[in-house]
């Protein structure tokens, strides 16, 4: 599993809930993918390098060791690392992204 930096206890509790049945990194990513799906977070707005996008879904795909977002911008679909996106959405999506960032030890792309 990925190392976690100390932070809000509620994020650690949510991580524990999401990763209950995860025994390795791939299963952990699937747990986060399922959490986003179950929360009904998508589609939702986001920003990448100052450009507005629509996030359509997230998945652990392409053999990468991170969640990849399928996004739409200017009528075209793109695959972008979820950690590179600022989510401008409801509390549920924002909380899950903050939890995923905490789990990976990553900072927001704007910090």
N, C-alpha and C. Protein backbone atom coordinates (compact mmCIF):
# COMPACT_ATOMS: atom_id res chain seq x y z
N UNK A 1 0.84 -1.18 0.00
CA UNK A 1 0.00 0.00 0.00
C UNK A 1 0.89 1.25 0.00
N UNK A 2 0.33 2.34 -0.43
CA UNK A 2 1.08 3.59 -0.49
C UNK A 2 1.20 4.21 0.89
N UNK A 3 2.30 4.91 1.15
CA UNK A 3 2.44 5.58 2.43
C UNK A 3 1.47 6.75 2.52
N UNK A 4 1.02 7.04 3.75
CA UNK A 4 0.10 8.15 3.96
C UNK A 4 0.75 9.15 4.90
N UNK A 5 0.52 10.41 4.63
CA UNK A 5 1.00 11.46 5.49
C UNK A 5 -0.05 11.73 6.56
N UNK A 6 0.36 12.16 7.75
CA UNK A 6 -0.62 12.47 8.78
C UNK A 6 -1.57 13.56 8.31
N UNK A 7 -2.84 13.39 8.58
CA UNK A 7 -3.84 14.39 8.20
C UNK A 7 -5.10 14.13 8.98
N UNK A 8 -6.17 14.72 8.53
CA UNK A 8 -7.44 14.65 9.21
C UNK A 8 -7.87 13.20 9.46
N UNK A 9 -8.27 12.90 10.68
CA UNK A 9 -8.70 11.54 11.01
C UNK A 9 -9.87 11.05 10.16
N UNK A 10 -10.74 11.95 9.73
CA UNK A 10 -11.87 11.51 8.92
C UNK A 10 -11.41 10.97 7.56
N UNK A 11 -10.31 11.51 7.02
CA UNK A 11 -9.77 10.96 5.77
C UNK A 11 -9.21 9.57 6.00
N UNK A 12 -8.52 9.38 7.13
CA UNK A 12 -7.99 8.05 7.45
C UNK A 12 -9.12 7.04 7.63
N UNK A 13 -10.23 7.48 8.25
CA UNK A 13 -11.37 6.58 8.42
C UNK A 13 -11.99 6.20 7.08
N UNK A 14 -12.10 7.16 6.19
CA UNK A 14 -12.66 6.89 4.87
C UNK A 14 -11.72 5.97 4.08
N UNK A 15 -10.43 6.18 4.19
CA UNK A 15 -9.46 5.30 3.54
C UNK A 15 -9.63 3.87 4.06
N UNK A 16 -9.77 3.72 5.35
CA UNK A 16 -9.95 2.38 5.94
C UNK A 16 -11.21 1.72 5.40
N UNK A 17 -12.29 2.49 5.26
CA UNK A 17 -13.53 1.95 4.71
C UNK A 17 -13.35 1.52 3.25
N UNK A 18 -12.71 2.36 2.46
CA UNK A 18 -12.52 2.08 1.04
C UNK A 18 -11.61 0.87 0.83
N UNK A 19 -10.60 0.73 1.67
CA UNK A 19 -9.60 -0.31 1.47
C UNK A 19 -9.83 -1.56 2.32
N UNK A 20 -11.03 -1.71 2.86
CA UNK A 20 -11.34 -2.84 3.74
C UNK A 20 -10.89 -4.18 3.17
N UNK A 21 -11.21 -4.44 1.91
CA UNK A 21 -10.91 -5.73 1.30
C UNK A 21 -9.72 -5.69 0.34
N UNK A 22 -8.93 -4.65 0.39
CA UNK A 22 -7.80 -4.51 -0.53
C UNK A 22 -6.55 -5.13 0.09
N UNK A 23 -5.90 -6.01 -0.69
CA UNK A 23 -4.71 -6.68 -0.20
C UNK A 23 -3.44 -6.26 -0.93
N UNK A 24 -3.58 -5.44 -1.97
CA UNK A 24 -2.41 -4.93 -2.66
C UNK A 24 -2.77 -3.60 -3.32
N UNK A 25 -1.81 -3.00 -3.99
CA UNK A 25 -2.01 -1.68 -4.59
C UNK A 25 -3.10 -1.69 -5.66
N UNK A 26 -3.12 -2.72 -6.49
CA UNK A 26 -4.14 -2.79 -7.54
C UNK A 26 -5.55 -2.87 -6.95
N UNK A 27 -5.71 -3.66 -5.90
CA UNK A 27 -7.02 -3.77 -5.25
C UNK A 27 -7.40 -2.46 -4.56
N UNK A 28 -6.41 -1.75 -4.05
CA UNK A 28 -6.68 -0.44 -3.43
C UNK A 28 -7.20 0.54 -4.48
N UNK A 29 -6.56 0.56 -5.65
CA UNK A 29 -7.02 1.43 -6.72
C UNK A 29 -8.45 1.08 -7.13
N UNK A 30 -8.74 -0.22 -7.21
CA UNK A 30 -10.10 -0.65 -7.54
C UNK A 30 -11.09 -0.20 -6.46
N UNK A 31 -10.65 -0.21 -5.21
CA UNK A 31 -11.50 0.27 -4.12
C UNK A 31 -11.84 1.74 -4.29
N UNK A 32 -10.85 2.55 -4.65
CA UNK A 32 -11.11 3.96 -4.90
C UNK A 32 -11.99 4.16 -6.13
N UNK A 33 -11.73 3.39 -7.19
CA UNK A 33 -12.57 3.47 -8.39
C UNK A 33 -14.03 3.17 -8.03
N UNK A 34 -14.25 2.11 -7.26
CA UNK A 34 -15.60 1.75 -6.84
C UNK A 34 -16.23 2.83 -5.96
N UNK A 35 -15.44 3.44 -5.08
CA UNK A 35 -15.97 4.49 -4.21
C UNK A 35 -16.47 5.68 -5.04
N UNK A 36 -15.72 6.07 -6.06
CA UNK A 36 -16.16 7.16 -6.93
C UNK A 36 -17.43 6.77 -7.67
N UNK A 37 -17.48 5.53 -8.19
CA UNK A 37 -18.66 5.06 -8.92
C UNK A 37 -19.89 5.03 -8.01
N UNK A 38 -19.74 4.48 -6.81
CA UNK A 38 -20.87 4.34 -5.89
C UNK A 38 -21.39 5.69 -5.43
N UNK A 39 -20.52 6.68 -5.35
CA UNK A 39 -20.93 8.02 -4.91
C UNK A 39 -21.64 8.79 -6.02
N UNK A 40 -21.60 8.27 -7.23
CA UNK A 40 -22.26 8.95 -8.35
C UNK A 40 -21.67 10.32 -8.63
N UNK A 41 -20.36 10.41 -8.58
CA UNK A 41 -19.67 11.69 -8.70
C UNK A 41 -19.62 12.25 -10.12
N UNK A 42 -19.78 11.41 -11.12
CA UNK A 42 -19.51 11.84 -12.49
C UNK A 42 -20.76 11.79 -13.35
N UNK A 43 -20.85 12.64 -14.35
CA UNK A 43 -19.86 13.65 -14.76
C UNK A 43 -19.83 14.83 -13.78
N UNK A 44 -18.68 15.48 -13.73
CA UNK A 44 -18.53 16.68 -12.90
C UNK A 44 -17.48 17.59 -13.52
N UNK A 45 -17.51 18.87 -13.18
CA UNK A 45 -16.53 19.81 -13.74
C UNK A 45 -15.17 19.70 -13.05
N UNK A 46 -14.15 20.06 -13.80
CA UNK A 46 -12.80 20.09 -13.27
C UNK A 46 -11.96 21.07 -14.06
N UNK A 47 -10.70 21.20 -13.62
CA UNK A 47 -9.77 22.10 -14.29
C UNK A 47 -8.42 21.41 -14.40
N UNK A 48 -7.80 21.52 -15.57
CA UNK A 48 -6.44 21.02 -15.81
C UNK A 48 -5.68 22.13 -16.49
N UNK A 49 -4.55 22.49 -15.93
CA UNK A 49 -3.69 23.58 -16.43
C UNK A 49 -4.51 24.79 -16.89
N UNK A 50 -5.47 25.15 -16.05
CA UNK A 50 -6.27 26.34 -16.31
C UNK A 50 -7.41 26.17 -17.30
N UNK A 51 -7.58 24.98 -17.84
CA UNK A 51 -8.64 24.71 -18.81
C UNK A 51 -9.79 23.97 -18.14
N UNK A 52 -11.02 24.42 -18.39
CA UNK A 52 -12.19 23.73 -17.86
C UNK A 52 -12.42 22.44 -18.63
N UNK A 53 -12.70 21.39 -17.88
CA UNK A 53 -12.98 20.07 -18.46
C UNK A 53 -14.21 19.49 -17.79
N UNK A 54 -14.72 18.41 -18.35
CA UNK A 54 -15.77 17.63 -17.72
C UNK A 54 -15.19 16.25 -17.46
N UNK A 55 -15.21 15.84 -16.19
CA UNK A 55 -14.70 14.52 -15.82
C UNK A 55 -15.86 13.53 -15.99
N UNK A 56 -15.66 12.53 -16.82
CA UNK A 56 -16.72 11.57 -17.14
C UNK A 56 -16.67 10.33 -16.25
N UNK A 57 -15.45 9.89 -15.90
CA UNK A 57 -15.28 8.69 -15.08
C UNK A 57 -13.84 8.59 -14.62
N UNK A 58 -13.59 7.69 -13.67
CA UNK A 58 -12.22 7.36 -13.28
C UNK A 58 -12.07 5.86 -13.27
N UNK A 59 -10.86 5.40 -13.55
CA UNK A 59 -10.59 3.97 -13.56
C UNK A 59 -9.10 3.72 -13.38
N UNK A 60 -8.80 2.56 -12.84
CA UNK A 60 -7.42 2.08 -12.80
C UNK A 60 -7.22 1.36 -14.13
N UNK A 61 -6.48 1.99 -15.05
CA UNK A 61 -6.40 1.41 -16.38
C UNK A 61 -5.02 1.62 -17.00
N UNK A 62 -4.87 1.03 -18.15
CA UNK A 62 -3.65 1.18 -18.95
C UNK A 62 -2.39 0.72 -18.22
N UNK A 63 -2.53 -0.18 -17.26
CA UNK A 63 -1.37 -0.68 -16.54
C UNK A 63 -0.70 0.34 -15.66
N UNK A 64 -1.36 1.48 -15.44
CA UNK A 64 -0.78 2.55 -14.61
C UNK A 64 -1.08 2.27 -13.15
N UNK A 65 -0.28 2.78 -12.28
CA UNK A 65 -0.42 2.57 -10.85
C UNK A 65 -1.13 3.74 -10.17
N UNK A 66 -2.09 4.32 -10.88
CA UNK A 66 -2.87 5.45 -10.37
C UNK A 66 -4.22 5.47 -11.08
N UNK A 67 -5.14 6.25 -10.54
CA UNK A 67 -6.44 6.41 -11.19
C UNK A 67 -6.32 7.37 -12.36
N UNK A 68 -6.95 7.00 -13.46
CA UNK A 68 -6.96 7.81 -14.66
C UNK A 68 -8.38 8.30 -14.90
N UNK A 69 -8.53 9.58 -15.16
CA UNK A 69 -9.83 10.16 -15.43
C UNK A 69 -10.06 10.26 -16.93
N UNK A 70 -11.25 9.86 -17.36
CA UNK A 70 -11.67 10.11 -18.73
C UNK A 70 -12.37 11.46 -18.72
N UNK A 71 -11.87 12.40 -19.49
CA UNK A 71 -12.37 13.77 -19.47
C UNK A 71 -12.77 14.22 -20.87
N UNK A 72 -13.64 15.22 -20.91
CA UNK A 72 -14.03 15.81 -22.19
C UNK A 72 -13.66 17.28 -22.16
N UNK A 73 -13.04 17.72 -23.25
CA UNK A 73 -12.68 19.13 -23.43
C UNK A 73 -12.79 19.44 -24.92
N UNK A 74 -13.51 20.49 -25.22
CA UNK A 74 -13.66 20.93 -26.62
C UNK A 74 -14.15 19.80 -27.52
N UNK A 75 -15.08 18.98 -26.99
CA UNK A 75 -15.68 17.92 -27.78
C UNK A 75 -14.84 16.67 -27.95
N UNK A 76 -13.67 16.62 -27.34
CA UNK A 76 -12.79 15.44 -27.45
C UNK A 76 -12.58 14.82 -26.09
N UNK A 77 -12.39 13.50 -26.05
CA UNK A 77 -12.12 12.80 -24.81
C UNK A 77 -10.62 12.61 -24.63
N UNK A 78 -10.18 12.72 -23.38
CA UNK A 78 -8.77 12.59 -23.03
C UNK A 78 -8.64 11.75 -21.77
N UNK A 79 -7.51 11.07 -21.62
CA UNK A 79 -7.18 10.32 -20.41
C UNK A 79 -6.15 11.13 -19.63
N UNK A 80 -6.48 11.49 -18.39
CA UNK A 80 -5.62 12.35 -17.59
C UNK A 80 -5.51 11.75 -16.19
N UNK A 81 -4.32 11.77 -15.62
CA UNK A 81 -4.15 11.31 -14.24
C UNK A 81 -5.05 12.12 -13.32
N UNK A 82 -5.82 11.42 -12.49
CA UNK A 82 -6.75 12.10 -11.59
C UNK A 82 -6.03 13.10 -10.68
N UNK A 83 -4.82 12.78 -10.29
CA UNK A 83 -4.06 13.67 -9.42
C UNK A 83 -3.69 14.99 -10.08
N UNK A 84 -3.78 15.07 -11.40
CA UNK A 84 -3.45 16.30 -12.13
C UNK A 84 -4.65 17.21 -12.32
N UNK A 85 -5.80 16.81 -11.78
CA UNK A 85 -7.04 17.55 -12.01
C UNK A 85 -7.51 18.20 -10.72
N UNK A 86 -7.97 19.43 -10.82
CA UNK A 86 -8.71 20.08 -9.74
C UNK A 86 -10.18 19.80 -9.99
N UNK A 87 -10.84 19.17 -9.04
CA UNK A 87 -12.26 18.86 -9.19
C UNK A 87 -13.07 20.03 -8.63
N UNK A 88 -13.97 20.55 -9.44
CA UNK A 88 -14.83 21.66 -9.05
C UNK A 88 -16.25 21.13 -8.91
N UNK A 89 -16.44 20.22 -7.97
CA UNK A 89 -17.70 19.50 -7.89
C UNK A 89 -18.29 19.56 -6.49
N UNK A 90 -19.29 18.72 -6.31
CA UNK A 90 -19.99 18.65 -5.03
C UNK A 90 -19.07 18.13 -3.92
N UNK A 91 -19.57 18.17 -2.71
CA UNK A 91 -18.77 17.79 -1.55
C UNK A 91 -18.32 16.32 -1.62
N UNK A 92 -19.18 15.45 -2.11
CA UNK A 92 -18.85 14.03 -2.18
C UNK A 92 -17.64 13.78 -3.07
N UNK A 93 -17.64 14.33 -4.27
CA UNK A 93 -16.52 14.15 -5.19
C UNK A 93 -15.25 14.79 -4.65
N UNK A 94 -15.38 15.99 -4.10
CA UNK A 94 -14.22 16.69 -3.55
C UNK A 94 -13.62 15.93 -2.37
N UNK A 95 -14.49 15.39 -1.52
CA UNK A 95 -14.02 14.63 -0.35
C UNK A 95 -13.30 13.36 -0.79
N UNK A 96 -13.86 12.65 -1.77
CA UNK A 96 -13.20 11.44 -2.26
C UNK A 96 -11.85 11.76 -2.90
N UNK A 97 -11.79 12.85 -3.66
CA UNK A 97 -10.50 13.22 -4.26
C UNK A 97 -9.49 13.59 -3.18
N UNK A 98 -9.93 14.32 -2.16
CA UNK A 98 -9.03 14.66 -1.05
C UNK A 98 -8.54 13.39 -0.35
N UNK A 99 -9.40 12.40 -0.22
CA UNK A 99 -9.04 11.14 0.41
C UNK A 99 -8.03 10.38 -0.46
N UNK A 100 -8.28 10.35 -1.76
CA UNK A 100 -7.34 9.69 -2.68
C UNK A 100 -5.98 10.39 -2.65
N UNK A 101 -5.99 11.72 -2.67
CA UNK A 101 -4.72 12.48 -2.59
C UNK A 101 -3.99 12.16 -1.29
N UNK A 102 -4.73 12.11 -0.19
CA UNK A 102 -4.13 11.81 1.11
C UNK A 102 -3.49 10.43 1.09
N UNK A 103 -4.20 9.46 0.53
CA UNK A 103 -3.70 8.09 0.46
C UNK A 103 -2.41 8.01 -0.35
N UNK A 104 -2.35 8.77 -1.45
CA UNK A 104 -1.15 8.75 -2.31
C UNK A 104 -0.02 9.62 -1.77
N UNK A 105 -0.37 10.55 -0.87
CA UNK A 105 0.62 11.49 -0.38
C UNK A 105 0.83 12.67 -1.30
N UNK A 106 -0.09 12.83 -2.27
CA UNK A 106 0.03 13.91 -3.27
C UNK A 106 -0.63 15.19 -2.78
N UNK A 107 -0.17 16.29 -3.30
CA UNK A 107 -0.76 17.60 -3.04
C UNK A 107 -1.68 17.95 -4.18
N UNK A 108 -2.56 18.91 -3.95
CA UNK A 108 -3.42 19.42 -5.02
C UNK A 108 -2.53 20.03 -6.08
N UNK A 109 -2.92 19.92 -7.38
CA UNK A 109 -2.08 20.49 -8.43
C UNK A 109 -1.94 22.01 -8.35
N UNK A 110 -2.78 22.67 -7.56
CA UNK A 110 -2.68 24.13 -7.44
C UNK A 110 -1.89 24.56 -6.22
N UNK A 111 -1.39 23.61 -5.41
CA UNK A 111 -0.61 24.00 -4.22
C UNK A 111 0.86 23.85 -4.47
